[in-house]
Amino acid sequence: MIRNRNSDSNIKMKTSQGNITIPDTKTTTTVDHECCMIGGGTSNYSSEPITDLHKDANCIEDLDRLLQSSDKVILFISAKWCSPCRILSPIFGALSEDTSYKDILFIKTDADLNPDHPIVKETPGVPSFITYYKQVELDRFSGRDHLELKRVLDRLSTKTQFIF
């Protein structure tokens, strides 16, 4: 559930599908489970598009499965106490709804709940974003630059599978 406490100040972003408005830092984001998979992509376990929060994933056991369930994946590593993470969370959610990224699986996980996961251990800080193409890391960056986030998503979305 996303609630906007102050509708007067929003972040506006241009996408290939037009302009989107994203609530500012006064937005509260609540999910039923700390590891969730949102928007974009299709799972190898189902032919149905993934469009809702994946609330029943156990991060410690399922993160690897989720990372391998799609050819194009972006992983958002965040923490509840991290202000930049709270700023980027609604942006990440809005980008997951952008149809130009429909073939990308968006995954979000909390670093504090998964400190022993190898990917989290290798992450220097939060917020961090890692993109994967066919389970190979493509890009990685830390920080709150939403334009950099869009750039790595654009790069990932242009990756295609060539058949010879």
C-alpha atoms as a PDB file:
ATOM      1  CA  MET A   1       0.000   0.000   0.000  1.00  0.00           C
ATOM      2  CA  ILE A   2       1.365   3.421  -0.903  1.00  0.00           C
ATOM      3  CA  ARG A   3      -0.097   6.461   0.797  1.00  0.00           C
ATOM      4  CA  ASN A   4       0.771  10.016  -0.111  1.00  0.00           C
ATOM      5  CA  ARG A   5       0.662  12.222   2.969  1.00  0.00           C
ATOM      6  CA  ASN A   6       1.383  15.433   1.060  1.00  0.00           C
ATOM      7  CA  SER A   7       0.066  15.548  -2.483  1.00  0.00           C
ATOM      8  CA  ASP A   8       1.464  19.043  -3.130  1.00  0.00           C
ATOM      9  CA  SER A   9       5.080  17.989  -3.719  1.00  0.00           C
ATOM     10  CA  ASN A  10       5.792  15.171  -6.140  1.00  0.00           C
ATOM     11  CA  ILE A  11       8.634  13.996  -8.335  1.00  0.00           C
ATOM     12  CA  LYS A  12       7.863  14.176 -12.033  1.00  0.00           C
ATOM     13  CA  MET A  13       9.719  11.886 -14.444  1.00  0.00           C
ATOM     14  CA  LYS A  14       9.543  11.464 -18.204  1.00  0.00           C
ATOM     15  CA  THR A  15       9.420   7.916 -19.535  1.00  0.00           C
ATOM     16  CA  SER A  16       8.900   6.422 -22.950  1.00  0.00           C
ATOM     17  CA  GLN A  17       5.218   6.101 -22.079  1.00  0.00           C
ATOM     18  CA  GLY A  18       4.856   9.766 -21.101  1.00  0.00           C
ATOM     19  CA  ASN A  19       5.178  11.614 -17.829  1.00  0.00           C
ATOM     20  CA  ILE A  20       4.740   9.882 -14.490  1.00  0.00           C
ATOM     21  CA  THR A  21       4.281  11.519 -11.102  1.00  0.00           C
ATOM     22  CA  ILE A  22       5.864   9.891  -8.091  1.00  0.00           C
ATOM     23  CA  PRO A  23       5.080  10.850  -4.497  1.00  0.00           C
ATOM     24  CA  ASP A  24       7.943  12.587  -2.698  1.00  0.00           C
ATOM     25  CA  THR A  25       9.763  11.446   0.455  1.00  0.00           C
ATOM     26  CA  LYS A  26       6.653  11.963   2.568  1.00  0.00           C
ATOM     27  CA  THR A  27       5.254   8.790   1.047  1.00  0.00           C
ATOM     28  CA  THR A  28       4.853   5.776   3.289  1.00  0.00           C
ATOM     29  CA  THR A  29       5.307   2.401   1.656  1.00  0.00           C
ATOM     30  CA  THR A  30       4.116  -0.700   3.491  1.00  0.00           C
ATOM     31  CA  VAL A  31       4.292  -4.293   2.292  1.00  0.00           C
ATOM     32  CA  ASP A  32       3.275  -7.490   4.016  1.00  0.00           C
ATOM     33  CA  HIS A  33       6.665  -9.116   3.486  1.00  0.00           C
ATOM     34  CA  GLU A  34      10.112  -7.574   3.410  1.00  0.00           C
ATOM     35  CA  CYS A  35      11.245  -9.259   0.196  1.00  0.00           C
ATOM     36  CA  CYS A  36       9.022  -8.564  -2.706  1.00  0.00           C
ATOM     37  CA  MET A  37       8.998  -8.901  -6.455  1.00  0.00           C
ATOM     38  CA  ILE A  38       7.163  -6.193  -8.301  1.00  0.00           C
ATOM     39  CA  GLY A  39       6.154  -5.476 -11.842  1.00  0.00           C
ATOM     40  CA  GLY A  40       7.663  -6.422 -15.150  1.00  0.00           C
ATOM     41  CA  GLY A  41       8.940  -9.651 -16.593  1.00  0.00           C
ATOM     42  CA  THR A  42       7.484 -13.093 -16.636  1.00  0.00           C
ATOM     43  CA  SER A  43       8.469 -15.923 -14.384  1.00  0.00           C
ATOM     44  CA  ASN A  44       9.838 -19.204 -15.707  1.00  0.00           C
ATOM     45  CA  TYR A  45       7.535 -20.835 -13.159  1.00  0.00           C
ATOM     46  CA  SER A  46       4.419 -19.374 -14.777  1.00  0.00           C
ATOM     47  CA  SER A  47       3.488 -17.934 -18.126  1.00  0.00           C
ATOM     48  CA  GLU A  48       1.506 -15.186 -16.421  1.00  0.00           C
ATOM     49  CA  PRO A  49       3.036 -11.699 -16.200  1.00  0.00           C
ATOM     50  CA  ILE A  50       4.185 -10.723 -12.724  1.00  0.00           C
ATOM     51  CA  THR A  51       2.288  -7.565 -11.866  1.00  0.00           C
ATOM     52  CA  ASP A  52       1.647  -7.707  -8.111  1.00  0.00           C
ATOM     53  CA  LEU A  53       3.815  -7.758  -5.027  1.00  0.00           C
ATOM     54  CA  HIS A  54       5.228 -11.219  -4.425  1.00  0.00           C
ATOM     55  CA  LYS A  55       4.440 -11.216  -0.718  1.00  0.00           C
ATOM     56  CA  ASP A  56       5.145 -14.827   0.183  1.00  0.00           C
ATOM     57  CA  ALA A  57       8.794 -15.029  -0.883  1.00  0.00           C
ATOM     58  CA  ASN A  58      11.251 -16.011   1.814  1.00  0.00           C
ATOM     59  CA  CYS A  59      14.206 -13.820   0.900  1.00  0.00           C
ATOM     60  CA  ILE A  60      16.924 -16.007   2.325  1.00  0.00           C
ATOM     61  CA  GLU A  61      15.666 -19.111   0.527  1.00  0.00           C
ATOM     62  CA  ASP A  62      14.047 -17.579  -2.552  1.00  0.00           C
ATOM     63  CA  LEU A  63      16.241 -14.673  -3.680  1.00  0.00           C
ATOM     64  CA  ASP A  64      18.423 -16.904  -5.861  1.00  0.00           C
ATOM     65  CA  ARG A  65      15.347 -18.523  -7.403  1.00  0.00           C
ATOM     66  CA  LEU A  66      13.859 -15.109  -8.138  1.00  0.00           C
ATOM     67  CA  LEU A  67      17.096 -13.883  -9.703  1.00  0.00           C
ATOM     68  CA  GLN A  68      17.117 -16.923 -12.002  1.00  0.00           C
ATOM     69  CA  SER A  69      13.434 -16.747 -12.911  1.00  0.00           C
ATOM     70  CA  SER A  70      13.807 -14.152 -15.682  1.00  0.00           C
ATOM     71  CA  ASP A  71      16.424 -13.224 -18.292  1.00  0.00           C
ATOM     72  CA  LYS A  72      16.326  -9.544 -17.325  1.00  0.00           C
ATOM     73  CA  VAL A  73      16.337  -8.645 -13.630  1.00  0.00           C
ATOM     74  CA  ILE A  74      16.940  -5.564 -11.530  1.00  0.00           C
ATOM     75  CA  LEU A  75      17.573  -6.022  -7.808  1.00  0.00           C
ATOM     76  CA  PHE A  76      16.992  -3.111  -5.413  1.00  0.00           C
ATOM     77  CA  ILE A  77      18.789  -3.596  -2.084  1.00  0.00           C
ATOM     78  CA  SER A  78      17.427  -1.238   0.544  1.00  0.00           C
ATOM     79  CA  ALA A  79      16.931  -0.831   4.294  1.00  0.00           C
ATOM     80  CA  LYS A  80      14.056   0.553   6.368  1.00  0.00           C
ATOM     81  CA  TRP A  81      16.270   3.140   8.087  1.00  0.00           C
ATOM     82  CA  CYS A  82      17.707   4.444   4.788  1.00  0.00           C
ATOM     83  CA  SER A  83      16.197   7.801   3.720  1.00  0.00           C
ATOM     84  CA  PRO A  84      17.446   7.565   0.096  1.00  0.00           C
ATOM     85  CA  CYS A  85      15.887   4.076  -0.079  1.00  0.00           C
ATOM     86  CA  ARG A  86      12.543   5.516   0.995  1.00  0.00           C
ATOM     87  CA  ILE A  87      12.873   8.182  -1.710  1.00  0.00           C
ATOM     88  CA  LEU A  88      13.682   5.615  -4.411  1.00  0.00           C
ATOM     89  CA  SER A  89      11.142   2.980  -3.405  1.00  0.00           C
ATOM     90  CA  PRO A  90       8.114   4.657  -5.043  1.00  0.00           C
ATOM     91  CA  ILE A  91      10.242   5.565  -8.078  1.00  0.00           C
ATOM     92  CA  PHE A  92      11.306   1.920  -8.394  1.00  0.00           C
ATOM     93  CA  GLY A  93       7.657   0.892  -8.131  1.00  0.00           C
ATOM     94  CA  ALA A  94       6.546   3.402 -10.757  1.00  0.00           C
ATOM     95  CA  LEU A  95       9.298   2.325 -13.160  1.00  0.00           C
ATOM     96  CA  SER A  96       8.195  -1.292 -12.740  1.00  0.00           C
ATOM     97  CA  GLU A  97       4.824  -0.268 -14.188  1.00  0.00           C
ATOM     98  CA  ASP A  98       6.394   1.429 -17.242  1.00  0.00           C
ATOM     99  CA  THR A  99       5.570  -0.729 -20.276  1.00  0.00           C
ATOM    100  CA  SER A 100       8.993  -0.075 -21.800  1.00  0.00           C
ATOM    101  CA  TYR A 101      10.378  -2.276 -18.987  1.00  0.00           C
ATOM    102  CA  LYS A 102       7.705  -4.992 -19.211  1.00  0.00           C
ATOM    103  CA  ASP A 103      10.299  -7.715 -19.868  1.00  0.00           C
ATOM    104  CA  ILE A 104      12.331  -6.816 -16.756  1.00  0.00           C
ATOM    105  CA  LEU A 105      11.688  -8.490 -13.411  1.00  0.00           C
ATOM    106  CA  PHE A 106      11.913  -5.979 -10.533  1.00  0.00           C
ATOM    107  CA  ILE A 107      13.007  -7.449  -7.170  1.00  0.00           C
ATOM    108  CA  LYS A 108      13.374  -5.553  -3.896  1.00  0.00           C
ATOM    109  CA  THR A 109      15.026  -6.898  -0.747  1.00  0.00           C
ATOM    110  CA  ASP A 110      15.978  -5.507   2.668  1.00  0.00           C
ATOM    111  CA  ALA A 111      19.723  -5.746   3.397  1.00  0.00           C
ATOM    112  CA  ASP A 112      19.178  -5.927   7.155  1.00  0.00           C
ATOM    113  CA  LEU A 113      16.950  -8.986   6.837  1.00  0.00           C
ATOM    114  CA  ASN A 114      19.390 -10.783   4.516  1.00  0.00           C
ATOM    115  CA  PRO A 115      22.879  -9.844   5.762  1.00  0.00           C
ATOM    116  CA  ASP A 116      24.294 -13.310   5.047  1.00  0.00           C
ATOM    117  CA  HIS A 117      23.228 -13.466   1.409  1.00  0.00           C
ATOM    118  CA  PRO A 118      26.378 -13.290  -0.806  1.00  0.00           C
ATOM    119  CA  ILE A 119      24.952 -10.499  -2.965  1.00  0.00           C
ATOM    120  CA  VAL A 120      24.110  -8.392   0.086  1.00  0.00           C
ATOM    121  CA  LYS A 121      27.546  -9.062   1.618  1.00  0.00           C
ATOM    122  CA  GLU A 122      29.208  -7.718  -1.556  1.00  0.00           C
ATOM    123  CA  THR A 123      27.068  -4.582  -1.554  1.00  0.00           C
ATOM    124  CA  PRO A 124      28.943  -1.544  -0.195  1.00  0.00           C
ATOM    125  CA  GLY A 125      25.838   0.322   0.919  1.00  0.00           C
ATOM    126  CA  VAL A 126      22.187   1.046   0.395  1.00  0.00           C
ATOM    127  CA  PRO A 127      20.423   1.902  -1.758  1.00  0.00           C
ATOM    128  CA  SER A 128      22.082  -0.340  -4.328  1.00  0.00           C
ATOM    129  CA  PHE A 129      20.847  -1.570  -7.673  1.00  0.00           C
ATOM    130  CA  ILE A 130      22.162  -4.550  -9.621  1.00  0.00           C
ATOM    131  CA  THR A 131      20.983  -5.534 -13.082  1.00  0.00           C
ATOM    132  CA  TYR A 132      21.359  -9.033 -14.481  1.00  0.00           C
ATOM    133  CA  TYR A 133      21.032 -10.328 -18.004  1.00  0.00           C
ATOM    134  CA  LYS A 134      20.762 -14.122 -18.220  1.00  0.00           C
ATOM    135  CA  GLN A 135      22.000 -14.399 -14.614  1.00  0.00           C
ATOM    136  CA  VAL A 136      25.182 -12.395 -15.386  1.00  0.00           C
ATOM    137  CA  GLU A 137      25.670  -9.072 -13.639  1.00  0.00           C
ATOM    138  CA  LEU A 138      25.403  -6.208 -16.111  1.00  0.00           C
ATOM    139  CA  ASP A 139      25.425  -3.017 -13.997  1.00  0.00           C
ATOM    140  CA  ARG A 140      25.755  -2.099 -10.339  1.00  0.00           C
ATOM    141  CA  PHE A 141      25.472   1.240  -8.607  1.00  0.00           C
ATOM    142  CA  SER A 142      24.779   2.655  -5.179  1.00  0.00           C
ATOM    143  CA  GLY A 143      23.099   5.943  -4.447  1.00  0.00           C
ATOM    144  CA  ARG A 144      19.864   7.782  -4.932  1.00  0.00           C
ATOM    145  CA  ASP A 145      20.284   9.048  -8.498  1.00  0.00           C
ATOM    146  CA  HIS A 146      16.959   8.146 -10.137  1.00  0.00           C
ATOM    147  CA  LEU A 147      18.350   9.174 -13.543  1.00  0.00           C
ATOM    148  CA  GLU A 148      21.113   6.578 -13.166  1.00  0.00           C
ATOM    149  CA  LEU A 149      18.443   4.040 -12.248  1.00  0.00           C
ATOM    150  CA  LYS A 150      16.588   4.851 -15.459  1.00  0.00           C
ATOM    151  CA  ARG A 151      19.847   4.658 -17.460  1.00  0.00           C
ATOM    152  CA  VAL A 152      20.658   1.133 -16.223  1.00  0.00           C
ATOM    153  CA  LEU A 153      17.071   0.048 -16.885  1.00  0.00           C
ATOM    154  CA  ASP A 154      17.287   1.438 -20.421  1.00  0.00           C
ATOM    155  CA  ARG A 155      20.542  -0.438 -20.961  1.00  0.00           C
ATOM    156  CA  LEU A 156      19.022  -3.674 -19.645  1.00  0.00           C
ATOM    157  CA  SER A 157      15.848  -3.282 -21.696  1.00  0.00           C
ATOM    158  CA  THR A 158      17.856  -3.042 -24.936  1.00  0.00           C
ATOM    159  CA  LYS A 159      19.497  -6.422 -24.344  1.00  0.00           C
ATOM    160  CA  THR A 160      18.032  -8.984 -26.727  1.00  0.00           C
ATOM    161  CA  GLN A 161      18.485 -12.656 -27.322  1.00  0.00           C
ATOM    162  CA  PHE A 162      19.953 -13.411 -30.716  1.00  0.00           C
ATOM    163  CA  ILE A 163      19.031 -16.664 -32.429  1.00  0.00           C
ATOM    164  CA  PHE A 164      21.554 -17.958 -34.976  1.00  0.00           C
END
